[in-house]
Amino acid sequence: MIRSNGILFAADSAADPPLWGKVLFIGFAAILFGTMLVGLVFVIRDSIRRRGRWGMNGAPTFCPNCGQPAPAVRKPANFQQALWGGNTCKECGCEYDKWGRRKFCPKCTAKLPEIARPRTFSEANVVRGACPSCGHQSTLFRLLPPQYHDE
């Protein structure tokens, strides 16, 4: 109510949104905020674990096969790399993910098991593993280029 010269006037009720509009807006905002919170939890979880699709890797990555550093500006070779990160080495053609982990066996092209990226300088600089299909031993991670360590 608005009072003017002793006369009461009814306030314009069209200025206030209806109750169902307020409830709808608050519900939409809660769903949006909840979705963003779940996404943030996934990013933090995978960044701490140093594996998975959702995390962010700030450490430099090198080709596990030849030790070539990943380019600073990434050019994805396929949709998977564009969506989740990763690179294909220009020198040897090895495909690796954003953590620097080799994705496929070089001998039989089977998918290699997912292991966590070791902490830089606290564990081995080269991590080797076997293919579950053919047993071929290959380098899964390379944390430093070859000139800095012996294999």
Protein backbone atom coordinates (compact mmCIF):
# COMPACT_ATOMS: atom_id res chain seq x y z
CA MET A 1 0.00 0.00 0.00
CA ILE A 2 1.13 3.46 -0.85
CA ARG A 3 -0.07 6.48 1.12
CA SER A 4 -0.44 9.81 -0.65
CA ASN A 5 -2.23 12.86 0.83
CA GLY A 6 -3.98 10.70 3.39
CA ILE A 7 -5.48 8.38 0.75
CA LEU A 8 -4.35 4.77 0.57
CA PHE A 9 -3.67 3.36 -2.88
CA ALA A 10 -3.20 -0.33 -3.59
CA ALA A 11 0.31 -1.18 -4.82
CA ASP A 12 0.55 -2.63 -8.32
CA SER A 13 0.39 -6.39 -7.84
CA ALA A 14 1.76 -7.04 -11.36
CA ALA A 15 5.20 -5.80 -10.25
CA ASP A 16 5.73 -8.78 -7.93
CA PRO A 17 6.33 -12.11 -9.66
CA PRO A 18 3.90 -14.87 -8.69
CA LEU A 19 4.88 -17.45 -6.10
CA TRP A 20 5.15 -20.28 -8.65
CA GLY A 21 7.66 -18.15 -10.63
CA LYS A 22 9.82 -17.68 -7.54
CA VAL A 23 9.68 -21.42 -6.75
CA LEU A 24 10.55 -22.30 -10.35
CA PHE A 25 13.52 -19.88 -10.38
CA ILE A 26 14.88 -21.17 -7.05
CA GLY A 27 14.47 -24.79 -8.20
CA PHE A 28 16.31 -24.10 -11.48
CA ALA A 29 19.11 -22.29 -9.63
CA ALA A 30 19.46 -25.20 -7.16
CA ILE A 31 19.70 -27.77 -9.99
CA LEU A 32 22.28 -25.64 -11.83
CA PHE A 33 24.35 -25.09 -8.68
CA GLY A 34 24.17 -28.80 -7.77
CA THR A 35 25.35 -29.84 -11.23
CA MET A 36 28.27 -27.43 -11.09
CA LEU A 37 29.18 -28.68 -7.60
CA VAL A 38 29.21 -32.32 -8.77
CA GLY A 39 31.42 -31.37 -11.74
CA LEU A 40 33.82 -29.54 -9.43
CA VAL A 41 34.03 -32.60 -7.17
CA PHE A 42 34.93 -34.76 -10.20
CA VAL A 43 37.64 -32.31 -11.31
CA ILE A 44 39.19 -32.13 -7.83
CA ARG A 45 39.00 -35.91 -7.36
CA ASP A 46 40.70 -36.76 -10.65
CA SER A 47 43.29 -33.99 -10.25
CA ILE A 48 44.31 -35.41 -6.87
CA ARG A 49 44.34 -39.02 -8.15
CA ARG A 50 46.23 -37.97 -11.33
CA ARG A 51 44.11 -40.23 -13.52
CA GLY A 52 40.69 -40.14 -15.10
CA ARG A 53 39.02 -37.87 -17.59
CA TRP A 54 37.86 -34.96 -15.43
CA GLY A 55 41.09 -33.79 -13.76
CA MET A 56 43.48 -31.03 -14.74
CA ASN A 57 47.19 -31.73 -15.23
CA GLY A 58 49.57 -28.84 -14.67
CA ALA A 59 52.76 -30.89 -14.96
CA PRO A 60 54.61 -31.13 -18.27
CA THR A 61 53.98 -34.32 -20.23
CA PHE A 62 56.34 -36.21 -22.50
CA CYS A 63 55.78 -38.91 -25.08
CA PRO A 64 56.17 -42.26 -23.27
CA ASN A 65 57.77 -43.77 -26.36
CA CYS A 66 60.40 -41.24 -27.51
CA GLY A 67 60.40 -38.57 -24.75
CA GLN A 68 59.33 -35.70 -27.02
CA PRO A 69 57.63 -32.96 -24.94
CA ALA A 70 53.95 -32.34 -25.57
CA PRO A 71 53.30 -29.11 -27.47
CA ALA A 72 52.22 -26.05 -25.49
CA VAL A 73 49.29 -25.50 -27.87
CA ARG A 74 47.46 -28.77 -28.33
CA LYS A 75 45.99 -29.88 -31.66
CA PRO A 76 43.67 -32.83 -31.00
CA ALA A 77 43.88 -35.67 -33.52
CA ASN A 78 40.42 -37.06 -32.72
CA PHE A 79 37.21 -36.25 -30.86
CA GLN A 80 38.35 -38.12 -27.73
CA GLN A 81 41.45 -35.93 -27.44
CA ALA A 82 39.43 -32.77 -28.08
CA LEU A 83 36.92 -33.63 -25.36
CA TRP A 84 39.13 -35.10 -22.62
CA GLY A 85 42.70 -34.03 -23.45
CA GLY A 86 45.66 -35.95 -24.73
CA ASN A 87 48.06 -35.84 -27.63
CA THR A 88 49.55 -37.81 -30.49
CA CYS A 89 53.33 -37.55 -30.76
CA LYS A 90 54.57 -35.87 -33.95
CA GLU A 91 57.80 -37.91 -33.94
CA CYS A 92 56.62 -41.48 -33.36
CA GLY A 93 52.79 -41.38 -33.55
CA CYS A 94 52.26 -42.66 -29.98
CA GLU A 95 48.88 -41.63 -28.55
CA TYR A 96 48.85 -40.63 -24.88
CA ASP A 97 46.36 -38.97 -22.54
CA LYS A 98 46.63 -35.64 -20.69
CA TRP A 99 48.53 -37.31 -17.85
CA GLY A 100 51.21 -38.60 -20.26
CA ARG A 101 50.01 -42.23 -20.03
CA ARG A 102 50.24 -44.39 -23.15
CA LYS A 103 46.74 -45.39 -24.25
CA PHE A 104 47.33 -48.37 -26.54
CA CYS A 105 49.87 -51.21 -26.74
CA PRO A 106 52.38 -50.53 -29.56
CA LYS A 107 52.43 -54.22 -30.53
CA CYS A 108 48.78 -55.37 -30.54
CA THR A 109 46.95 -51.98 -30.19
CA ALA A 110 44.99 -53.23 -27.14
CA LYS A 111 43.91 -50.64 -24.55
CA LEU A 112 46.41 -50.50 -21.69
CA PRO A 113 45.26 -50.53 -18.04
CA GLU A 114 44.72 -47.15 -16.40
CA ILE A 115 47.25 -46.40 -13.66
CA ALA A 116 47.81 -43.18 -11.74
CA ARG A 117 50.49 -40.73 -12.86
CA PRO A 118 53.40 -40.88 -10.40
CA ARG A 119 54.26 -37.73 -8.47
CA THR A 120 56.97 -35.83 -10.31
CA PHE A 121 60.47 -36.39 -8.88
CA SER A 122 59.17 -38.45 -5.94
CA GLU A 123 58.84 -41.81 -7.69
CA ALA A 124 60.37 -43.39 -10.79
CA ASN A 125 60.79 -41.10 -13.79
CA VAL A 126 59.92 -43.94 -16.18
CA VAL A 127 57.10 -46.38 -15.44
CA ARG A 128 56.97 -49.57 -17.47
CA GLY A 129 54.08 -51.99 -17.70
CA ALA A 130 52.83 -55.04 -19.58
CA CYS A 131 49.95 -55.25 -22.03
CA PRO A 132 47.14 -57.46 -20.64
CA SER A 133 46.51 -58.99 -24.09
CA CYS A 134 49.96 -59.86 -25.45
CA GLY A 135 52.29 -59.30 -22.45
CA HIS A 136 54.44 -56.77 -24.36
CA GLN A 137 56.50 -54.58 -21.99
CA SER A 138 56.40 -50.86 -22.83
CA THR A 139 56.88 -47.49 -21.16
CA LEU A 140 53.58 -46.22 -19.75
CA PHE A 141 54.81 -42.88 -18.34
CA ARG A 142 57.85 -40.69 -18.88
CA LEU A 143 58.09 -37.83 -16.38
CA LEU A 144 61.36 -36.36 -17.66
CA PRO A 145 62.83 -36.30 -21.15
CA PRO A 146 65.45 -39.02 -21.88
CA GLN A 147 68.48 -36.69 -21.49
CA TYR A 148 67.76 -36.31 -17.74
CA HIS A 149 67.72 -39.98 -16.70
CA ASP A 150 68.78 -43.49 -17.62
CA GLU A 151 66.34 -46.23 -18.38
